[in-house]
Amino acid sequence: MGLNAFTVLGNTAKMTAAVTPPTPIQVASTTLGGNQYRIINLSTTTACFLSYAQTAAAATANCVIPTGDGANAKNCIPILPNTDEILSFVPNGFFTAITSTGTADIFITPGDGL
């Protein structure tokens, strides 16, 4: 990770998170091993749980809203409404997202920086 402003290293992808998660999308970087992503939730009212993995099947399996700890903890991250985050995940990752109600448009851009 550099100490520069976020540099775009690939195409921005869009998905619509819903109570039934969409088919995972792969967000590929134009560099080998790029693993930072700018995640934007454009919804003003709906949070989502973003699931990520190295395969579409694993991203789908991980896309469950956590209900506690132990067996109820899940491999996903909450993304609040109107959020703009830069996070690190697996390179060229697959993403999907689930909501408890409603939908949320999620934009994911691969890159590098803060």
Protein backbone atom coordinates (compact mmCIF):
# COMPACT_ATOMS: atom_id res chain seq x y z
CA MET A 1 0.00 0.00 0.00
CA GLY A 2 1.34 3.40 -0.96
CA LEU A 3 1.06 6.64 0.94
CA ASN A 4 -0.48 8.39 -2.03
CA ALA A 5 -4.04 9.40 -2.73
CA PHE A 6 -6.12 6.52 -4.09
CA THR A 7 -5.02 5.61 -7.61
CA VAL A 8 -7.53 3.77 -9.79
CA LEU A 9 -6.10 0.49 -11.14
CA GLY A 10 -9.07 -1.00 -12.98
CA ASN A 11 -12.70 -0.57 -13.92
CA THR A 12 -15.40 0.35 -11.43
CA ALA A 13 -18.08 -2.32 -11.05
CA LYS A 14 -21.63 -1.88 -9.74
CA MET A 15 -23.94 -4.30 -7.97
CA THR A 16 -27.25 -3.90 -6.20
CA ALA A 17 -27.23 -5.46 -2.75
CA ALA A 18 -30.59 -6.92 -1.71
CA VAL A 19 -32.17 -9.36 0.75
CA THR A 20 -31.25 -12.02 -1.81
CA PRO A 21 -27.62 -11.29 -2.69
CA PRO A 22 -26.77 -10.85 -6.39
CA THR A 23 -24.44 -13.13 -8.32
CA PRO A 24 -20.89 -12.22 -7.24
CA ILE A 25 -18.92 -9.86 -9.44
CA GLN A 26 -15.17 -10.02 -9.93
CA VAL A 27 -13.35 -6.71 -9.60
CA ALA A 28 -10.02 -7.12 -11.35
CA SER A 29 -6.99 -4.88 -10.94
CA THR A 30 -4.75 -3.92 -13.85
CA THR A 31 -1.70 -4.72 -11.70
CA LEU A 32 -0.56 -8.05 -10.36
CA GLY A 33 -1.57 -8.51 -6.77
CA GLY A 34 -3.63 -5.32 -6.45
CA ASN A 35 -5.85 -5.78 -3.43
CA GLN A 36 -7.20 -2.39 -2.34
CA TYR A 37 -10.72 -1.35 -3.27
CA ARG A 38 -12.77 1.82 -2.95
CA ILE A 39 -16.25 0.74 -1.80
CA ILE A 40 -19.14 3.21 -2.07
CA ASN A 41 -22.66 2.55 -0.80
CA LEU A 42 -24.90 5.12 -2.53
CA SER A 43 -27.99 4.22 -0.52
CA THR A 44 -29.01 6.93 1.92
CA THR A 45 -30.88 4.49 4.19
CA THR A 46 -29.76 0.88 3.60
CA ALA A 47 -26.68 -0.77 5.04
CA CYS A 48 -25.34 -4.00 3.57
CA PHE A 49 -22.96 -6.79 4.46
CA LEU A 50 -20.25 -7.10 1.81
CA SER A 51 -18.91 -10.58 1.18
CA TYR A 52 -15.60 -11.20 -0.59
CA ALA A 53 -13.52 -14.20 -1.59
CA GLN A 54 -11.13 -15.58 -4.20
CA THR A 55 -14.00 -17.43 -5.93
CA ALA A 56 -17.61 -16.60 -6.72
CA ALA A 57 -18.79 -19.73 -4.89
CA ALA A 58 -16.98 -18.74 -1.69
CA ALA A 59 -18.27 -15.16 -1.88
CA THR A 60 -21.82 -16.52 -2.18
CA ALA A 61 -21.32 -18.94 0.72
CA ASN A 62 -19.94 -16.09 2.90
CA CYS A 63 -22.84 -13.73 2.12
CA VAL A 64 -24.91 -14.16 5.28
CA ILE A 65 -25.83 -11.50 7.84
CA PRO A 66 -23.99 -12.31 11.08
CA THR A 67 -26.23 -13.03 14.06
CA GLY A 68 -23.64 -13.46 16.80
CA ASP A 69 -20.22 -14.96 17.41
CA GLY A 70 -18.78 -18.42 16.92
CA ALA A 71 -20.75 -20.33 14.27
CA ASN A 72 -22.97 -17.25 13.83
CA ALA A 73 -20.05 -15.01 12.81
CA LYS A 74 -19.60 -14.64 9.03
CA ASN A 75 -16.82 -13.64 6.65
CA CYS A 76 -18.33 -10.32 5.56
CA ILE A 77 -18.09 -6.65 6.46
CA PRO A 78 -20.87 -4.14 7.16
CA ILE A 79 -21.01 -1.16 4.81
CA LEU A 80 -23.11 1.68 6.19
CA PRO A 81 -25.37 3.94 4.07
CA ASN A 82 -23.56 6.80 2.29
CA THR A 83 -20.21 5.14 3.03
CA ASP A 84 -17.03 5.67 1.03
CA GLU A 85 -14.33 3.26 2.25
CA ILE A 86 -10.94 2.11 1.00
CA LEU A 87 -10.37 -1.46 2.16
CA SER A 88 -7.94 -4.28 1.44
CA PHE A 89 -9.22 -7.66 0.28
CA VAL A 90 -7.91 -10.57 -1.79
CA PRO A 91 -6.46 -9.59 -5.20
CA ASN A 92 -8.97 -9.67 -8.07
CA GLY A 93 -11.67 -10.57 -5.57
CA PHE A 94 -15.27 -11.61 -6.04
CA PHE A 95 -17.89 -9.55 -4.20
CA THR A 96 -21.57 -9.78 -3.36
CA ALA A 97 -23.68 -8.12 -0.66
CA ILE A 98 -26.83 -8.75 1.34
CA THR A 99 -29.23 -6.36 3.09
CA SER A 100 -31.74 -6.98 5.86
CA THR A 101 -34.34 -4.90 3.95
CA GLY A 102 -34.39 -2.89 0.75
CA THR A 103 -31.59 -2.46 -1.75
CA ALA A 104 -28.31 -0.56 -1.94
CA ASP A 105 -26.25 0.34 -5.01
CA ILE A 106 -22.62 -0.60 -4.30
CA PHE A 107 -19.72 0.60 -6.46
CA ILE A 108 -16.30 -1.09 -6.19
CA THR A 109 -13.11 0.28 -7.76
CA PRO A 110 -9.72 -1.50 -7.56
CA GLY A 111 -6.71 0.66 -6.81
CA ASP A 112 -3.94 1.60 -4.46
CA GLY A 113 -3.51 4.32 -1.84
CA LEU A 114 -5.38 6.03 0.96
